C-alpha atoms as a PDB file:
ATOM      1  CA  UNK A   1      63.887-178.955 108.467  1.00  0.00           C
ATOM      2  CA  UNK A   2      64.294-178.974 104.686  1.00  0.00           C
ATOM      3  CA  UNK A   3      66.041-175.601 104.356  1.00  0.00           C
ATOM      4  CA  UNK A   4      66.676-172.328 106.153  1.00  0.00           C
ATOM      5  CA  UNK A   5      67.430-168.842 104.941  1.00  0.00           C
ATOM      6  CA  UNK A   6      70.483-167.071 106.359  1.00  0.00           C
ATOM      7  CA  UNK A   7      71.230-163.370 106.644  1.00  0.00           C
ATOM      8  CA  UNK A   8      73.074-161.809 103.750  1.00  0.00           C
ATOM      9  CA  UNK A   9      73.618-158.139 103.027  1.00  0.00           C
ATOM     10  CA  UNK A  10      72.386-158.024  99.428  1.00  0.00           C
ATOM     11  CA  UNK A  11      71.541-161.476  98.095  1.00  0.00           C
ATOM     12  CA  UNK A  12      69.609-164.545  99.243  1.00  0.00           C
ATOM     13  CA  UNK A  13      71.570-167.150 101.189  1.00  0.00           C
ATOM     14  CA  UNK A  14      70.265-170.504 102.327  1.00  0.00           C
ATOM     15  CA  UNK A  15      71.238-173.951 103.486  1.00  0.00           C
ATOM     16  CA  UNK A  16      69.286-177.009 102.352  1.00  0.00           C
ATOM     17  CA  UNK A  17      69.361-180.352 104.143  1.00  0.00           C
ATOM     18  CA  UNK A  18      68.762-183.985 103.328  1.00  0.00           C
ATOM     19  CA  UNK A  19      69.693-187.518 104.194  1.00  0.00           C
ATOM     20  CA  UNK A  20      71.627-187.723 100.899  1.00  0.00           C
ATOM     21  CA  UNK A  21      72.724-185.556  97.961  1.00  0.00           C
ATOM     22  CA  UNK A  22      69.455-186.085  96.125  1.00  0.00           C
ATOM     23  CA  UNK A  23      67.294-184.862  98.996  1.00  0.00           C
ATOM     24  CA  UNK A  24      69.501-181.855  99.746  1.00  0.00           C
ATOM     25  CA  UNK A  25      69.629-180.840  96.040  1.00  0.00           C
ATOM     26  CA  UNK A  26      65.829-181.193  95.856  1.00  0.00           C
ATOM     27  CA  UNK A  27      65.373-179.034  98.945  1.00  0.00           C
ATOM     28  CA  UNK A  28      67.790-176.454  97.508  1.00  0.00           C
ATOM     29  CA  UNK A  29      65.601-176.172  94.407  1.00  0.00           C
ATOM     30  CA  UNK A  30      62.465-175.706  96.513  1.00  0.00           C
ATOM     31  CA  UNK A  31      64.240-173.078  98.655  1.00  0.00           C
ATOM     32  CA  UNK A  32      65.284-171.175  95.530  1.00  0.00           C
ATOM     33  CA  UNK A  33      61.736-171.146  94.156  1.00  0.00           C
ATOM     34  CA  UNK A  34      60.319-170.080  97.537  1.00  0.00           C
ATOM     35  CA  UNK A  35      62.125-166.767  96.978  1.00  0.00           C
ATOM     36  CA  UNK A  36      60.076-166.347  93.810  1.00  0.00           C
ATOM     37  CA  UNK A  37      56.703-167.923  94.577  1.00  0.00           C
ATOM     38  CA  UNK A  38      54.905-170.109  97.139  1.00  0.00           C
ATOM     39  CA  UNK A  39      55.752-173.548  95.721  1.00  0.00           C
ATOM     40  CA  UNK A  40      52.946-175.331  97.598  1.00  0.00           C
ATOM     41  CA  UNK A  41      50.409-173.208  95.665  1.00  0.00           C
ATOM     42  CA  UNK A  42      51.746-174.321  92.259  1.00  0.00           C
ATOM     43  CA  UNK A  43      49.583-176.875  90.492  1.00  0.00           C
ATOM     44  CA  UNK A  44      51.165-180.068  89.174  1.00  0.00           C
ATOM     45  CA  UNK A  45      50.165-179.656  85.526  1.00  0.00           C
ATOM     46  CA  UNK A  46      53.554-180.187  83.857  1.00  0.00           C
ATOM     47  CA  UNK A  47      56.233-182.829  84.378  1.00  0.00           C
ATOM     48  CA  UNK A  48      59.689-182.464  82.842  1.00  0.00           C
ATOM     49  CA  UNK A  49      62.762-184.681  82.853  1.00  0.00           C
ATOM     50  CA  UNK A  50      66.039-182.981  83.646  1.00  0.00           C
ATOM     51  CA  UNK A  51      69.603-184.210  83.146  1.00  0.00           C
ATOM     52  CA  UNK A  52      72.660-182.235  84.216  1.00  0.00           C
ATOM     53  CA  UNK A  53      76.337-183.229  84.020  1.00  0.00           C
ATOM     54  CA  UNK A  54      79.278-181.667  85.847  1.00  0.00           C
ATOM     55  CA  UNK A  55      82.901-182.185  86.868  1.00  0.00           C
ATOM     56  CA  UNK A  56      82.242-182.038  90.623  1.00  0.00           C
ATOM     57  CA  UNK A  57      79.355-181.884  93.093  1.00  0.00           C
ATOM     58  CA  UNK A  58      79.453-178.114  93.578  1.00  0.00           C
ATOM     59  CA  UNK A  59      79.326-177.567  89.818  1.00  0.00           C
ATOM     60  CA  UNK A  60      76.469-180.088  89.630  1.00  0.00           C
ATOM     61  CA  UNK A  61      74.497-178.139  92.251  1.00  0.00           C
ATOM     62  CA  UNK A  62      75.166-174.904  90.366  1.00  0.00           C
ATOM     63  CA  UNK A  63      74.113-176.359  87.006  1.00  0.00           C
ATOM     64  CA  UNK A  64      70.984-177.987  88.533  1.00  0.00           C
ATOM     65  CA  UNK A  65      69.745-174.704  89.969  1.00  0.00           C
ATOM     66  CA  UNK A  66      70.713-172.743  86.849  1.00  0.00           C
ATOM     67  CA  UNK A  67      68.779-175.221  84.674  1.00  0.00           C
ATOM     68  CA  UNK A  68      65.675-174.577  86.779  1.00  0.00           C
ATOM     69  CA  UNK A  69      66.151-170.805  86.425  1.00  0.00           C
ATOM     70  CA  UNK A  70      66.578-171.270  82.672  1.00  0.00           C
ATOM     71  CA  UNK A  71      63.206-173.063  82.536  1.00  0.00           C
ATOM     72  CA  UNK A  72      61.634-170.234  84.518  1.00  0.00           C
ATOM     73  CA  UNK A  73      63.107-167.593  82.200  1.00  0.00           C
ATOM     74  CA  UNK A  74      62.430-169.355  78.884  1.00  0.00           C
ATOM     75  CA  UNK A  75      59.267-171.408  79.511  1.00  0.00           C
ATOM     76  CA  UNK A  76      57.862-169.610  82.585  1.00  0.00           C
ATOM     77  CA  UNK A  77      58.021-172.942  84.444  1.00  0.00           C
ATOM     78  CA  UNK A  78      57.484-172.691  88.208  1.00  0.00           C
ATOM     79  CA  UNK A  79      58.389-175.609  90.434  1.00  0.00           C
ATOM     80  CA  UNK A  80      56.158-177.531  92.814  1.00  0.00           C
ATOM     81  CA  UNK A  81      58.120-180.729  93.457  1.00  0.00           C
ATOM     82  CA  UNK A  82      61.003-182.969  92.471  1.00  0.00           C
ATOM     83  CA  UNK A  83      60.708-186.733  91.988  1.00  0.00           C
ATOM     84  CA  UNK A  84      63.010-189.638  91.228  1.00  0.00           C
ATOM     85  CA  UNK A  85      66.265-187.711  91.503  1.00  0.00           C
ATOM     86  CA  UNK A  86      69.372-189.815  91.039  1.00  0.00           C
ATOM     87  CA  UNK A  87      72.937-188.543  91.276  1.00  0.00           C
ATOM     88  CA  UNK A  88      75.740-190.837  90.206  1.00  0.00           C
ATOM     89  CA  UNK A  89      79.333-190.632  89.143  1.00  0.00           C
ATOM     90  CA  UNK A  90      80.268-192.027  85.746  1.00  0.00           C
ATOM     91  CA  UNK A  91      83.963-191.815  85.023  1.00  0.00           C
ATOM     92  CA  UNK A  92      85.034-188.285  85.907  1.00  0.00           C
ATOM     93  CA  UNK A  93      81.539-186.747  85.592  1.00  0.00           C
ATOM     94  CA  UNK A  94      78.624-186.479  87.992  1.00  0.00           C
ATOM     95  CA  UNK A  95      75.205-186.945  86.422  1.00  0.00           C
ATOM     96  CA  UNK A  96      71.922-185.755  87.930  1.00  0.00           C
ATOM     97  CA  UNK A  97      68.647-187.068  86.507  1.00  0.00           C
ATOM     98  CA  UNK A  98      65.304-185.978  87.875  1.00  0.00           C
ATOM     99  CA  UNK A  99      61.649-185.353  87.162  1.00  0.00           C
ATOM    100  CA  UNK A 100      60.262-181.969  88.112  1.00  0.00           C
ATOM    101  CA  UNK A 101      56.606-181.091  88.427  1.00  0.00           C
ATOM    102  CA  UNK A 102      55.000-177.685  88.317  1.00  0.00           C
ATOM    103  CA  UNK A 103      53.091-175.313  86.096  1.00  0.00           C
ATOM    104  CA  UNK A 104      53.509-172.401  83.743  1.00  0.00           C
ATOM    105  CA  UNK A 105      53.646-169.096  85.583  1.00  0.00           C
ATOM    106  CA  UNK A 106      50.251-167.468  85.290  1.00  0.00           C
ATOM    107  CA  UNK A 107      48.524-164.491  86.804  1.00  0.00           C
ATOM    108  CA  UNK A 108      46.814-166.856  89.258  1.00  0.00           C
ATOM    109  CA  UNK A 109      50.138-167.279  91.068  1.00  0.00           C
ATOM    110  CA  UNK A 110      51.382-164.400  93.173  1.00  0.00           C
ATOM    111  CA  UNK A 111      55.057-163.783  92.502  1.00  0.00           C
ATOM    112  CA  UNK A 112      56.919-162.134  95.373  1.00  0.00           C
ATOM    113  CA  UNK A 113      60.548-162.154  94.291  1.00  0.00           C
ATOM    114  CA  UNK A 114      63.079-162.779  91.572  1.00  0.00           C
ATOM    115  CA  UNK A 115      66.343-164.668  91.241  1.00  0.00           C
ATOM    116  CA  UNK A 116      68.856-163.452  88.655  1.00  0.00           C
ATOM    117  CA  UNK A 117      71.508-166.138  89.047  1.00  0.00           C
ATOM    118  CA  UNK A 118      73.113-168.821  91.164  1.00  0.00           C
ATOM    119  CA  UNK A 119      76.590-167.969  92.480  1.00  0.00           C
ATOM    120  CA  UNK A 120      79.570-169.974  93.694  1.00  0.00           C
ATOM    121  CA  UNK A 121      80.116-167.479  96.514  1.00  0.00           C
ATOM    122  CA  UNK A 122      80.256-169.360  99.849  1.00  0.00           C
ATOM    123  CA  UNK A 123      78.802-172.466  98.167  1.00  0.00           C
ATOM    124  CA  UNK A 124      79.540-175.710  99.945  1.00  0.00           C
ATOM    125  CA  UNK A 125      78.378-179.300 100.230  1.00  0.00           C
ATOM    126  CA  UNK A 126      78.986-181.054 103.556  1.00  0.00           C
ATOM    127  CA  UNK A 127      78.391-184.783 103.614  1.00  0.00           C
ATOM    128  CA  UNK A 128      78.184-186.615 106.915  1.00  0.00           C
ATOM    129  CA  UNK A 129      76.774-190.073 107.493  1.00  0.00           C
ATOM    130  CA  UNK A 130      73.021-189.739 106.957  1.00  0.00           C
ATOM    131  CA  UNK A 131      73.056-185.933 106.561  1.00  0.00           C
ATOM    132  CA  UNK A 132      74.010-183.630 103.711  1.00  0.00           C
ATOM    133  CA  UNK A 133      73.992-179.839 103.912  1.00  0.00           C
ATOM    134  CA  UNK A 134      74.354-177.561 100.896  1.00  0.00           C
ATOM    135  CA  UNK A 135      74.759-173.803 101.026  1.00  0.00           C
ATOM    136  CA  UNK A 136      73.936-171.439  98.172  1.00  0.00           C
ATOM    137  CA  UNK A 137      73.885-167.693  97.594  1.00  0.00           C
ATOM    138  CA  UNK A 138      71.563-166.412  94.897  1.00  0.00           C
ATOM    139  CA  UNK A 139      71.856-163.084  93.107  1.00  0.00           C
ATOM    140  CA  UNK A 140      68.454-161.443  93.521  1.00  0.00           C
END
């Protein structure tokens, strides 16, 4: 299982899973876009390189998802997949580098939801040997 949606009274809440931080962050991005659009239907016409820096892992997750929402809002970019994600710590900062693939939102894609913002509410990252779980609540 890559992710699962959880019950929440007003917003969208999910947990994303992976064998490491990179896989769980990738699955979190896909889960977020599934609220908006069926990601498997998005053509792979555009590839972008993303770099995000943060003070801690939770802030890195927040900034990663917010960067993707920014691309949706400013360039109408909708996500299909994530490739070559690397997360490393340099000094006191965490750095995420990744390639994302998708398309520009067009009428050919049926949009079924909207995400206003990522929140820190109930956000967590649990790292166990060989399994990482992240939890996110999105303002919808």
